[in-house]
Amino acid sequence: VKGRFTISSDNAKNTVYLQMNSLKPEDTAVYYCASDLHLYEILSLS
């Protein structure tokens, strides 16, 4: 998704966004929001 999706946050609204552009059929899925104190490490380090 790199180059097509952009994640951002609005702290005033306590909301996280995922802007998805140039969508492809293979992007079809159920999308889940998730949180964890170590979430960045979970994703970046598999």
All heavy atoms as atom14 arrays in JSON, in Angstrom:
{
  "sequence": "VKGRFTISSDNAKNTVYLQMNSLKPEDTAVYYCASDLHLYEILSLS",
  "atom14_mask": [
    [1, 1, 1, 1, 1, 1, 1, 0, 0, 0, 0, 0, 0, 0],
    [1, 1, 1, 1, 1, 1, 1, 1, 1, 0, 0, 0, 0, 0],
    [1, 1, 1, 1, 0, 0, 0, 0, 0, 0, 0, 0, 0, 0],
    [1, 1, 1, 1, 1, 1, 1, 1, 1, 1, 1, 0, 0, 0],
    [1, 1, 1, 1, 1, 1, 1, 1, 1, 1, 1, 0, 0, 0],
    [1, 1, 1, 1, 1, 1, 1, 0, 0, 0, 0, 0, 0, 0],
    [1, 1, 1, 1, 1, 1, 1, 1, 0, 0, 0, 0, 0, 0],
    [1, 1, 1, 1, 1, 1, 0, 0, 0, 0, 0, 0, 0, 0],
    [1, 1, 1, 1, 1, 1, 0, 0, 0, 0, 0, 0, 0, 0],
    [1, 1, 1, 1, 1, 1, 1, 1, 0, 0, 0, 0, 0, 0],
    [1, 1, 1, 1, 1, 1, 1, 1, 0, 0, 0, 0, 0, 0],
    [1, 1, 1, 1, 1, 0, 0, 0, 0, 0, 0, 0, 0, 0],
    [1, 1, 1, 1, 1, 1, 1, 1, 1, 0, 0, 0, 0, 0],
    [1, 1, 1, 1, 1, 1, 1, 1, 0, 0, 0, 0, 0, 0],
    [1, 1, 1, 1, 1, 1, 1, 0, 0, 0, 0, 0, 0, 0],
    [1, 1, 1, 1, 1, 1, 1, 0, 0, 0, 0, 0, 0, 0],
    [1, 1, 1, 1, 1, 1, 1, 1, 1, 1, 1, 1, 0, 0],
    [1, 1, 1, 1, 1, 1, 1, 1, 0, 0, 0, 0, 0, 0],
    [1, 1, 1, 1, 1, 1, 1, 1, 1, 0, 0, 0, 0, 0],
    [1, 1, 1, 1, 1, 1, 1, 1, 0, 0, 0, 0, 0, 0],
    [1, 1, 1, 1, 1, 1, 1, 1, 0, 0, 0, 0, 0, 0],
    [1, 1, 1, 1, 1, 1, 0, 0, 0, 0, 0, 0, 0, 0],
    [1, 1, 1, 1, 1, 1, 1, 1, 0, 0, 0, 0, 0, 0],
    [1, 1, 1, 1, 1, 1, 1, 1, 1, 0, 0, 0, 0, 0],
    [1, 1, 1, 1, 1, 1, 1, 0, 0, 0, 0, 0, 0, 0],
    [1, 1, 1, 1, 1, 1, 1, 1, 1, 0, 0, 0, 0, 0],
    [1, 1, 1, 1, 1, 1, 1, 1, 0, 0, 0, 0, 0, 0],
    [1, 1, 1, 1, 1, 1, 1, 0, 0, 0, 0, 0, 0, 0],
    [1, 1, 1, 1, 1, 0, 0, 0, 0, 0, 0, 0, 0, 0],
    [1, 1, 1, 1, 1, 1, 1, 0, 0, 0, 0, 0, 0, 0],
    [1, 1, 1, 1, 1, 1, 1, 1, 1, 1, 1, 1, 0, 0],
    [1, 1, 1, 1, 1, 1, 1, 1, 1, 1, 1, 1, 0, 0],
    [1, 1, 1, 1, 1, 1, 0, 0, 0, 0, 0, 0, 0, 0],
    [1, 1, 1, 1, 1, 0, 0, 0, 0, 0, 0, 0, 0, 0],
    [1, 1, 1, 1, 1, 1, 0, 0, 0, 0, 0, 0, 0, 0],
    [1, 1, 1, 1, 1, 1, 1, 1, 0, 0, 0, 0, 0, 0],
    [1, 1, 1, 1, 1, 1, 1, 1, 0, 0, 0, 0, 0, 0],
    [1, 1, 1, 1, 1, 1, 1, 1, 1, 1, 0, 0, 0, 0],
    [1, 1, 1, 1, 1, 1, 1, 1, 0, 0, 0, 0, 0, 0],
    [1, 1, 1, 1, 1, 1, 1, 1, 1, 1, 1, 1, 0, 0],
    [1, 1, 1, 1, 1, 1, 1, 1, 1, 0, 0, 0, 0, 0],
    [1, 1, 1, 1, 1, 1, 1, 1, 0, 0, 0, 0, 0, 0],
    [1, 1, 1, 1, 1, 1, 1, 1, 0, 0, 0, 0, 0, 0],
    [1, 1, 1, 1, 1, 1, 0, 0, 0, 0, 0, 0, 0, 0],
    [1, 1, 1, 1, 1, 1, 1, 1, 0, 0, 0, 0, 0, 0],
    [1, 1, 1, 1, 1, 1, 0, 0, 0, 0, 0, 0, 0, 0]
  ],
  "atom14_positions": [
    [[0.81, -1.22, 0.0], [0.0, 0.0, 0.0], [0.84, 1.26, 0.0], [0.29, 2.37, -0.12], [-0.98, 0.04, 1.19], [-1.81, -1.24, 1.24], [-0.23, 0.24, 2.5], [0.0, 0.0, 0.0], [0.0, 0.0, 0.0], [0.0, 0.0, 0.0], [0.0, 0.0, 0.0], [0.0, 0.0, 0.0], [0.0, 0.0, 0.0], [0.0, 0.0, 0.0]],
    [[2.13, 1.14, 0.12], [3.02, 2.3, 0.19], [2.89, 3.15, -1.08], [2.93, 2.64, -2.19], [4.46, 1.84, 0.39], [5.42, 2.94, 0.79], [6.79, 2.36, 1.16], [6.7, 1.44, 2.36], [8.04, 0.9, 2.74], [0.0, 0.0, 0.0], [0.0, 0.0, 0.0], [0.0, 0.0, 0.0], [0.0, 0.0, 0.0], [0.0, 0.0, 0.0]],
    [[2.72, 4.45, -0.88], [2.53, 5.36, -1.99], [1.09, 5.57, -2.39], [0.79, 6.5, -3.13], [0.0, 0.0, 0.0], [0.0, 0.0, 0.0], [0.0, 0.0, 0.0], [0.0, 0.0, 0.0], [0.0, 0.0, 0.0], [0.0, 0.0, 0.0], [0.0, 0.0, 0.0], [0.0, 0.0, 0.0], [0.0, 0.0, 0.0], [0.0, 0.0, 0.0]],
    [[0.2, 4.7, -1.92], [-1.22, 4.81, -2.24], [-2.07, 5.17, -1.02], [-3.07, 5.88, -1.15], [-1.75, 3.5, -2.84], [-1.05, 3.09, -4.13], [-1.75, 1.9, -4.78], [-1.69, 0.71, -3.93], [-2.77, 0.08, -3.45], [-3.98, 0.51, -3.76], [-2.62, -1.0, -2.7], [0.0, 0.0, 0.0], [0.0, 0.0, 0.0], [0.0, 0.0, 0.0]],
    [[-1.69, 4.67, 0.15], [-2.43, 4.91, 1.39], [-1.66, 5.9, 2.26], [-0.43, 5.9, 2.27], [-2.63, 3.62, 2.17], [-3.56, 2.62, 1.54], [-4.02, 2.76, 0.25], [-3.97, 1.5, 2.28], [-4.86, 1.82, -0.32], [-4.82, 0.56, 1.72], [-5.26, 0.72, 0.41], [0.0, 0.0, 0.0], [0.0, 0.0, 0.0], [0.0, 0.0, 0.0]],
    [[-2.4, 6.7, 3.03], [-1.8, 7.64, 3.96], [-2.55, 7.59, 5.28], [-3.77, 7.74, 5.31], [-1.83, 9.07, 3.42], [-1.17, 9.14, 2.15], [-1.14, 10.02, 4.39], [0.0, 0.0, 0.0], [0.0, 0.0, 0.0], [0.0, 0.0, 0.0], [0.0, 0.0, 0.0], [0.0, 0.0, 0.0], [0.0, 0.0, 0.0], [0.0, 0.0, 0.0]],
    [[-1.81, 7.39, 6.37], [-2.41, 7.39, 7.7], [-2.17, 8.75, 8.34], [-1.11, 9.36, 8.16], [-1.86, 6.24, 8.58], [-2.69, 6.08, 9.85], [-0.39, 6.45, 8.9], [-2.38, 4.8, 10.62], [0.0, 0.0, 0.0], [0.0, 0.0, 0.0], [0.0, 0.0, 0.0], [0.0, 0.0, 0.0], [0.0, 0.0, 0.0], [0.0, 0.0, 0.0]],
    [[-3.16, 9.23, 9.08], [-3.04, 10.51, 9.75], [-3.9, 10.5, 11.0], [-4.72, 9.6, 11.2], [-3.45, 11.67, 8.83], [-4.81, 11.56, 8.46], [0.0, 0.0, 0.0], [0.0, 0.0, 0.0], [0.0, 0.0, 0.0], [0.0, 0.0, 0.0], [0.0, 0.0, 0.0], [0.0, 0.0, 0.0], [0.0, 0.0, 0.0], [0.0, 0.0, 0.0]],
    [[-3.73, 11.5, 11.85], [-4.51, 11.58, 13.08], [-4.92, 13.01, 13.36], [-4.23, 13.96, 12.96], [-3.74, 11.02, 14.27], [-2.57, 11.78, 14.52], [0.0, 0.0, 0.0], [0.0, 0.0, 0.0], [0.0, 0.0, 0.0], [0.0, 0.0, 0.0], [0.0, 0.0, 0.0], [0.0, 0.0, 0.0], [0.0, 0.0, 0.0], [0.0, 0.0, 0.0]],
    [[-6.04, 13.15, 14.02], [-6.54, 14.45, 14.47], [-6.73, 14.32, 15.97], [-7.72, 13.74, 16.44], [-7.85, 14.79, 13.77], [-8.36, 16.17, 14.11], [-8.01, 16.7, 15.19], [-9.11, 16.74, 13.3], [0.0, 0.0, 0.0], [0.0, 0.0, 0.0], [0.0, 0.0, 0.0], [0.0, 0.0, 0.0], [0.0, 0.0, 0.0], [0.0, 0.0, 0.0]],
    [[-5.79, 14.84, 16.73], [-5.83, 14.67, 18.18], [-7.02, 15.37, 18.82], [-7.55, 14.9, 19.82], [-4.53, 15.17, 18.81], [-3.36, 14.25, 18.54], [-3.51, 13.16, 17.99], [-2.17, 14.7, 18.91], [0.0, 0.0, 0.0], [0.0, 0.0, 0.0], [0.0, 0.0, 0.0], [0.0, 0.0, 0.0], [0.0, 0.0, 0.0], [0.0, 0.0, 0.0]],
    [[-7.45, 16.49, 18.25], [-8.6, 17.22, 18.78], [-9.86, 16.37, 18.7], [-10.73, 16.45, 19.57], [-8.79, 18.53, 18.05], [0.0, 0.0, 0.0], [0.0, 0.0, 0.0], [0.0, 0.0, 0.0], [0.0, 0.0, 0.0], [0.0, 0.0, 0.0], [0.0, 0.0, 0.0], [0.0, 0.0, 0.0], [0.0, 0.0, 0.0], [0.0, 0.0, 0.0]],
    [[-9.98, 15.57, 17.65], [-11.14, 14.69, 17.47], [-10.87, 13.27, 17.96], [-11.77, 12.44, 17.92], [-11.55, 14.64, 16.0], [-12.0, 15.98, 15.44], [-12.4, 15.84, 13.98], [-12.89, 17.16, 13.42], [-13.28, 17.04, 11.99], [0.0, 0.0, 0.0], [0.0, 0.0, 0.0], [0.0, 0.0, 0.0], [0.0, 0.0, 0.0], [0.0, 0.0, 0.0]],
    [[-9.64, 13.0, 18.41], [-9.23, 11.66, 18.83], [-9.57, 10.62, 17.77], [-10.12, 9.55, 18.05], [-9.87, 11.28, 20.17], [-8.85, 10.71, 21.15], [-7.74, 11.24, 21.28], [-9.23, 9.64, 21.84], [0.0, 0.0, 0.0], [0.0, 0.0, 0.0], [0.0, 0.0, 0.0], [0.0, 0.0, 0.0], [0.0, 0.0, 0.0], [0.0, 0.0, 0.0]],
    [[-9.22, 10.95, 16.53], [-9.57, 10.13, 15.38], [-8.35, 9.86, 14.51], [-7.53, 10.76, 14.28], [-10.66, 10.81, 14.54], [-11.83, 11.0, 15.35], [-11.03, 9.95, 13.34], [0.0, 0.0, 0.0], [0.0, 0.0, 0.0], [0.0, 0.0, 0.0], [0.0, 0.0, 0.0], [0.0, 0.0, 0.0], [0.0, 0.0, 0.0], [0.0, 0.0, 0.0]],
    [[-8.23, 8.63, 14.04], [-7.2, 8.23, 13.09], [-7.85, 7.95, 11.75], [-8.93, 7.34, 11.7], [-6.43, 6.99, 13.59], [-5.47, 6.48, 12.52], [-5.66, 7.32, 14.86], [0.0, 0.0, 0.0], [0.0, 0.0, 0.0], [0.0, 0.0, 0.0], [0.0, 0.0, 0.0], [0.0, 0.0, 0.0], [0.0, 0.0, 0.0], [0.0, 0.0, 0.0]],
    [[-7.21, 8.38, 10.68], [-7.75, 8.23, 9.34], [-6.82, 7.37, 8.48], [-5.6, 7.35, 8.68], [-7.92, 9.58, 8.65], [-8.79, 10.55, 9.41], [-8.23, 11.52, 10.23], [-10.18, 10.51, 9.3], [-9.02, 12.41, 10.93], [-10.97, 11.39, 10.0], [-10.39, 12.35, 10.82], [-11.19, 13.23, 11.5], [0.0, 0.0, 0.0], [0.0, 0.0, 0.0]],
    [[-7.4, 6.68, 7.52], [-6.63, 5.99, 6.5], [-7.18, 6.43, 5.15], [-8.27, 6.02, 4.75], [-6.73, 4.48, 6.64], [-5.86, 3.68, 5.67], [-4.38, 3.91, 5.97], [-6.18, 2.19, 5.74], [0.0, 0.0, 0.0], [0.0, 0.0, 0.0], [0.0, 0.0, 0.0], [0.0, 0.0, 0.0], [0.0, 0.0, 0.0], [0.0, 0.0, 0.0]],
    [[-6.44, 7.3, 4.47], [-6.8, 7.74, 3.13], [-6.28, 6.72, 2.13], [-5.08, 6.47, 2.07], [-6.22, 9.12, 2.84], [-6.53, 9.65, 1.44], [-7.99, 9.93, 1.23], [-8.63, 10.55, 2.08], [-8.54, 9.48, 0.11], [0.0, 0.0, 0.0], [0.0, 0.0, 0.0], [0.0, 0.0, 0.0], [0.0, 0.0, 0.0], [0.0, 0.0, 0.0]],
    [[-7.17, 6.14, 1.35], [-6.83, 5.09, 0.4], [-7.1, 5.59, -1.01], [-8.25, 5.83, -1.38], [-7.62, 3.82, 0.69], [-7.49, 3.32, 2.12], [-8.31, 1.73, 2.4], [-10.01, 2.2, 2.12], [0.0, 0.0, 0.0], [0.0, 0.0, 0.0], [0.0, 0.0, 0.0], [0.0, 0.0, 0.0], [0.0, 0.0, 0.0], [0.0, 0.0, 0.0]],
    [[-6.04, 5.74, -1.79], [-6.14, 6.2, -3.17], [-5.69, 5.09, -4.12], [-5.02, 4.14, -3.72], [-5.27, 7.44, -3.39], [-5.7, 8.62, -2.55], [-6.89, 8.8, -2.27], [-4.74, 9.45, -2.15], [0.0, 0.0, 0.0], [0.0, 0.0, 0.0], [0.0, 0.0, 0.0], [0.0, 0.0, 0.0], [0.0, 0.0, 0.0], [0.0, 0.0, 0.0]],
    [[-6.03, 5.25, -5.39], [-5.65, 4.29, -6.42], [-5.98, 2.87, -6.0], [-5.16, 1.95, -6.12], [-4.16, 4.43, -6.74], [-3.85, 5.73, -7.18], [0.0, 0.0, 0.0], [0.0, 0.0, 0.0], [0.0, 0.0, 0.0], [0.0, 0.0, 0.0], [0.0, 0.0, 0.0], [0.0, 0.0, 0.0], [0.0, 0.0, 0.0], [0.0, 0.0, 0.0]],
    [[-7.19, 2.67, -5.54], [-7.58, 1.37, -5.0], [-7.6, 0.3, -6.08], [-7.97, 0.55, -7.23], [-8.95, 1.47, -4.33], [-8.92, 2.14, -2.95], [-10.31, 2.58, -2.52], [-8.32, 1.18, -1.92], [0.0, 0.0, 0.0], [0.0, 0.0, 0.0], [0.0, 0.0, 0.0], [0.0, 0.0, 0.0], [0.0, 0.0, 0.0], [0.0, 0.0, 0.0]],
    [[-7.2, -0.9, -5.67], [-7.14, -2.06, -6.54], [-8.08, -3.14, -6.03], [-8.4, -3.17, -4.84], [-5.71, -2.61, -6.59], [-4.65, -1.61, -6.98], [-3.26, -2.22, -6.85], [-2.18, -1.23, -7.22], [-0.82, -1.82, -7.07], [0.0, 0.0, 0.0], [0.0, 0.0, 0.0], [0.0, 0.0, 0.0], [0.0, 0.0, 0.0], [0.0, 0.0, 0.0]],
    [[-8.52, -4.05, -6.9], [-9.37, -5.14, -6.43], [-8.75, -5.93, -5.29], [-9.49, -6.4, -4.4], [-9.55, -6.01, -7.68], [-9.44, -5.04, -8.81], [-8.39, -4.05, -8.37], [0.0, 0.0, 0.0], [0.0, 0.0, 0.0], [0.0, 0.0, 0.0], [0.0, 0.0, 0.0], [0.0, 0.0, 0.0], [0.0, 0.0, 0.0], [0.0, 0.0, 0.0]],
    [[-7.44, -6.08, -5.28], [-6.78, -6.82, -4.21], [-6.8, -6.1, -2.86], [-6.4, -6.66, -1.85], [-5.34, -7.18, -4.59], [-4.52, -6.0, -5.09], [-4.48, -5.93, -6.6], [-5.54, -6.1, -7.24], [-3.39, -5.7, -7.16], [0.0, 0.0, 0.0], [0.0, 0.0, 0.0], [0.0, 0.0, 0.0], [0.0, 0.0, 0.0], [0.0, 0.0, 0.0]],
    [[-7.25, -4.84, -2.84], [-7.44, -4.14, -1.59], [-8.76, -4.51, -0.9], [-9.0, -4.08, 0.23], [-7.41, -2.62, -1.8], [-6.06, -2.12, -2.27], [-5.03, -2.58, -1.73], [-6.03, -1.25, -3.16], [0.0, 0.0, 0.0], [0.0, 0.0, 0.0], [0.0, 0.0, 0.0], [0.0, 0.0, 0.0], [0.0, 0.0, 0.0], [0.0, 0.0, 0.0]],
    [[-9.6, -5.25, -1.59], [-10.88, -5.66, -1.02], [-10.66, -6.49, 0.24], [-9.94, -7.48, 0.23], [-11.69, -6.47, -2.04], [-12.02, -5.64, -3.15], [-12.97, -7.0, -1.42], [0.0, 0.0, 0.0], [0.0, 0.0, 0.0], [0.0, 0.0, 0.0], [0.0, 0.0, 0.0], [0.0, 0.0, 0.0], [0.0, 0.0, 0.0], [0.0, 0.0, 0.0]],
    [[-11.27, -6.06, 1.34], [-11.09, -6.72, 2.63], [-11.95, -6.04, 3.67], [-12.5, -4.95, 3.44], [-9.62, -6.68, 3.06], [0.0, 0.0, 0.0], [0.0, 0.0, 0.0], [0.0, 0.0, 0.0], [0.0, 0.0, 0.0], [0.0, 0.0, 0.0], [0.0, 0.0, 0.0], [0.0, 0.0, 0.0], [0.0, 0.0, 0.0], [0.0, 0.0, 0.0]],
    [[-12.06, -6.67, 4.82], [-12.57, -5.99, 6.01], [-11.39, -5.31, 6.68], [-10.37, -5.95, 6.95], [-13.26, -6.97, 6.98], [-13.72, -6.23, 8.23], [-14.44, -7.65, 6.3], [0.0, 0.0, 0.0], [0.0, 0.0, 0.0], [0.0, 0.0, 0.0], [0.0, 0.0, 0.0], [0.0, 0.0, 0.0], [0.0, 0.0, 0.0], [0.0, 0.0, 0.0]],
    [[-11.51, -4.02, 6.92], [-10.45, -3.24, 7.54], [-10.77, -3.01, 9.01], [-11.88, -2.59, 9.36], [-10.29, -1.9, 6.81], [-9.58, -2.04, 5.49], [-10.2, -2.65, 4.41], [-8.28, -1.56, 5.32], [-9.55, -2.8, 3.19], [-7.62, -1.7, 4.12], [-8.26, -2.31, 3.05], [-7.61, -2.45, 1.84], [0.0, 0.0, 0.0], [0.0, 0.0, 0.0]],
    [[-9.78, -3.28, 9.85], [-9.93, -3.17, 11.29], [-8.97, -2.13, 11.85], [-7.78, -2.12, 11.51], [-9.64, -4.5, 11.98], [-10.57, -5.63, 11.6], [-10.26, -6.48, 10.55], [-11.75, -5.85, 12.3], [-11.1, -7.52, 10.19], [-12.59, -6.89, 11.96], [-12.26, -7.72, 10.91], [-13.1, -8.76, 10.57], [0.0, 0.0, 0.0], [0.0, 0.0, 0.0]],
    [[-9.47, -1.3, 12.72], [-8.64, -0.4, 13.51], [-8.17, -1.15, 14.76], [-8.92, -1.94, 15.33], [-9.45, 0.83, 13.9], [-8.54, 2.12, 14.75], [0.0, 0.0, 0.0], [0.0, 0.0, 0.0], [0.0, 0.0, 0.0], [0.0, 0.0, 0.0], [0.0, 0.0, 0.0], [0.0, 0.0, 0.0], [0.0, 0.0, 0.0], [0.0, 0.0, 0.0]],
    [[-6.94, -0.91, 15.17], [-6.38, -1.62, 16.32], [-5.4, -0.72, 17.07], [-4.84, 0.22, 16.51], [-5.67, -2.9, 15.89], [0.0, 0.0, 0.0], [0.0, 0.0, 0.0], [0.0, 0.0, 0.0], [0.0, 0.0, 0.0], [0.0, 0.0, 0.0], [0.0, 0.0, 0.0], [0.0, 0.0, 0.0], [0.0, 0.0, 0.0], [0.0, 0.0, 0.0]],
    [[-5.2, -1.04, 18.35], [-4.26, -0.28, 19.16], [-3.56, -1.19, 20.16], [-4.13, -2.17, 20.63], [-4.97, 0.86, 19.9], [-4.03, 1.65, 20.62], [0.0, 0.0, 0.0], [0.0, 0.0, 0.0], [0.0, 0.0, 0.0], [0.0, 0.0, 0.0], [0.0, 0.0, 0.0], [0.0, 0.0, 0.0], [0.0, 0.0, 0.0], [0.0, 0.0, 0.0]],
    [[-2.33, -0.84, 20.46], [-1.5, -1.56, 21.42], [-0.32, -0.66, 21.73], [0.14, 0.08, 20.86], [-1.03, -2.9, 20.83], [-0.36, -3.79, 21.85], [0.8, -3.52, 22.22], [-0.99, -4.78, 22.26], [0.0, 0.0, 0.0], [0.0, 0.0, 0.0], [0.0, 0.0, 0.0], [0.0, 0.0, 0.0], [0.0, 0.0, 0.0], [0.0, 0.0, 0.0]],
    [[0.16, -0.73, 22.95], [1.32, 0.08, 23.32], [2.53, -0.21, 22.45], [3.37, 0.66, 22.24], [1.67, -0.13, 24.8], [0.75, 0.52, 25.82], [1.14, 0.09, 27.23], [0.8, 2.03, 25.7], [0.0, 0.0, 0.0], [0.0, 0.0, 0.0], [0.0, 0.0, 0.0], [0.0, 0.0, 0.0], [0.0, 0.0, 0.0], [0.0, 0.0, 0.0]],
    [[2.61, -1.43, 21.92], [3.74, -1.83, 21.09], [3.33, -2.03, 19.63], [3.97, -2.79, 18.9], [4.36, -3.12, 21.63], [4.85, -3.0, 23.03], [4.15, -3.51, 24.1], [5.96, -2.43, 23.55], [4.81, -3.26, 25.21], [5.91, -2.61, 24.9], [0.0, 0.0, 0.0], [0.0, 0.0, 0.0], [0.0, 0.0, 0.0], [0.0, 0.0, 0.0]],
    [[2.27, -1.35, 19.18], [1.73, -1.6, 17.86], [2.74, -1.31, 16.75], [2.82, -2.05, 15.76], [0.46, -0.78, 17.62], [-0.3, -1.13, 16.35], [-0.86, -2.55, 16.42], [-1.41, -0.13, 16.1], [0.0, 0.0, 0.0], [0.0, 0.0, 0.0], [0.0, 0.0, 0.0], [0.0, 0.0, 0.0], [0.0, 0.0, 0.0], [0.0, 0.0, 0.0]],
    [[3.5, -0.22, 16.87], [4.47, 0.11, 15.83], [5.48, -1.02, 15.66], [5.81, -1.41, 14.54], [5.19, 1.41, 16.15], [6.18, 1.82, 15.09], [5.76, 2.45, 13.92], [7.54, 1.54, 15.23], [6.67, 2.81, 12.94], [8.45, 1.9, 14.25], [8.01, 2.54, 13.11], [8.91, 2.89, 12.14], [0.0, 0.0, 0.0], [0.0, 0.0, 0.0]],
    [[5.96, -1.57, 16.78], [6.91, -2.67, 16.71], [6.26, -3.94, 16.17], [6.9, -4.7, 15.44], [7.51, -2.94, 18.09], [8.44, -1.83, 18.61], [7.69, -0.62, 19.14], [6.46, -0.68, 19.32], [8.36, 0.4, 19.39], [0.0, 0.0, 0.0], [0.0, 0.0, 0.0], [0.0, 0.0, 0.0], [0.0, 0.0, 0.0], [0.0, 0.0, 0.0]],
    [[5.01, -4.17, 16.52], [4.29, -5.33, 16.01], [4.26, -5.31, 14.49], [4.5, -6.32, 13.83], [2.86, -5.39, 16.59], [2.91, -5.74, 18.09], [2.02, -6.42, 15.84], [1.57, -5.61, 18.79], [0.0, 0.0, 0.0], [0.0, 0.0, 0.0], [0.0, 0.0, 0.0], [0.0, 0.0, 0.0], [0.0, 0.0, 0.0], [0.0, 0.0, 0.0]],
    [[3.95, -4.16, 13.92], [3.83, -4.05, 12.47], [5.18, -3.96, 11.77], [5.43, -4.69, 10.81], [2.98, -2.83, 12.1], [1.47, -3.05, 12.03], [0.89, -3.46, 13.38], [0.77, -1.8, 11.51], [0.0, 0.0, 0.0], [0.0, 0.0, 0.0], [0.0, 0.0, 0.0], [0.0, 0.0, 0.0], [0.0, 0.0, 0.0], [0.0, 0.0, 0.0]],
    [[6.05, -3.09, 12.23], [7.3, -2.83, 11.53], [8.29, -4.0, 11.65], [9.09, -4.21, 10.73], [7.95, -1.55, 12.04], [8.29, -1.65, 13.41], [0.0, 0.0, 0.0], [0.0, 0.0, 0.0], [0.0, 0.0, 0.0], [0.0, 0.0, 0.0], [0.0, 0.0, 0.0], [0.0, 0.0, 0.0], [0.0, 0.0, 0.0], [0.0, 0.0, 0.0]],
    [[8.23, -4.73, 12.73], [9.15, -5.84, 12.96], [8.49, -7.21, 12.75], [9.12, -8.23, 13.01], [9.73, -5.76, 14.37], [10.51, -4.49, 14.72], [10.98, -4.53, 16.17], [11.68, -4.29, 13.78], [0.0, 0.0, 0.0], [0.0, 0.0, 0.0], [0.0, 0.0, 0.0], [0.0, 0.0, 0.0], [0.0, 0.0, 0.0], [0.0, 0.0, 0.0]],
    [[7.23, -7.22, 12.3], [6.48, -8.47, 12.14], [6.49, -9.28, 13.42], [6.68, -10.5, 13.41], [7.03, -9.28, 10.96], [6.93, -8.56, 9.75], [0.0, 0.0, 0.0], [0.0, 0.0, 0.0], [0.0, 0.0, 0.0], [0.0, 0.0, 0.0], [0.0, 0.0, 0.0], [0.0, 0.0, 0.0], [0.0, 0.0, 0.0], [0.0, 0.0, 0.0]]
  ]
}
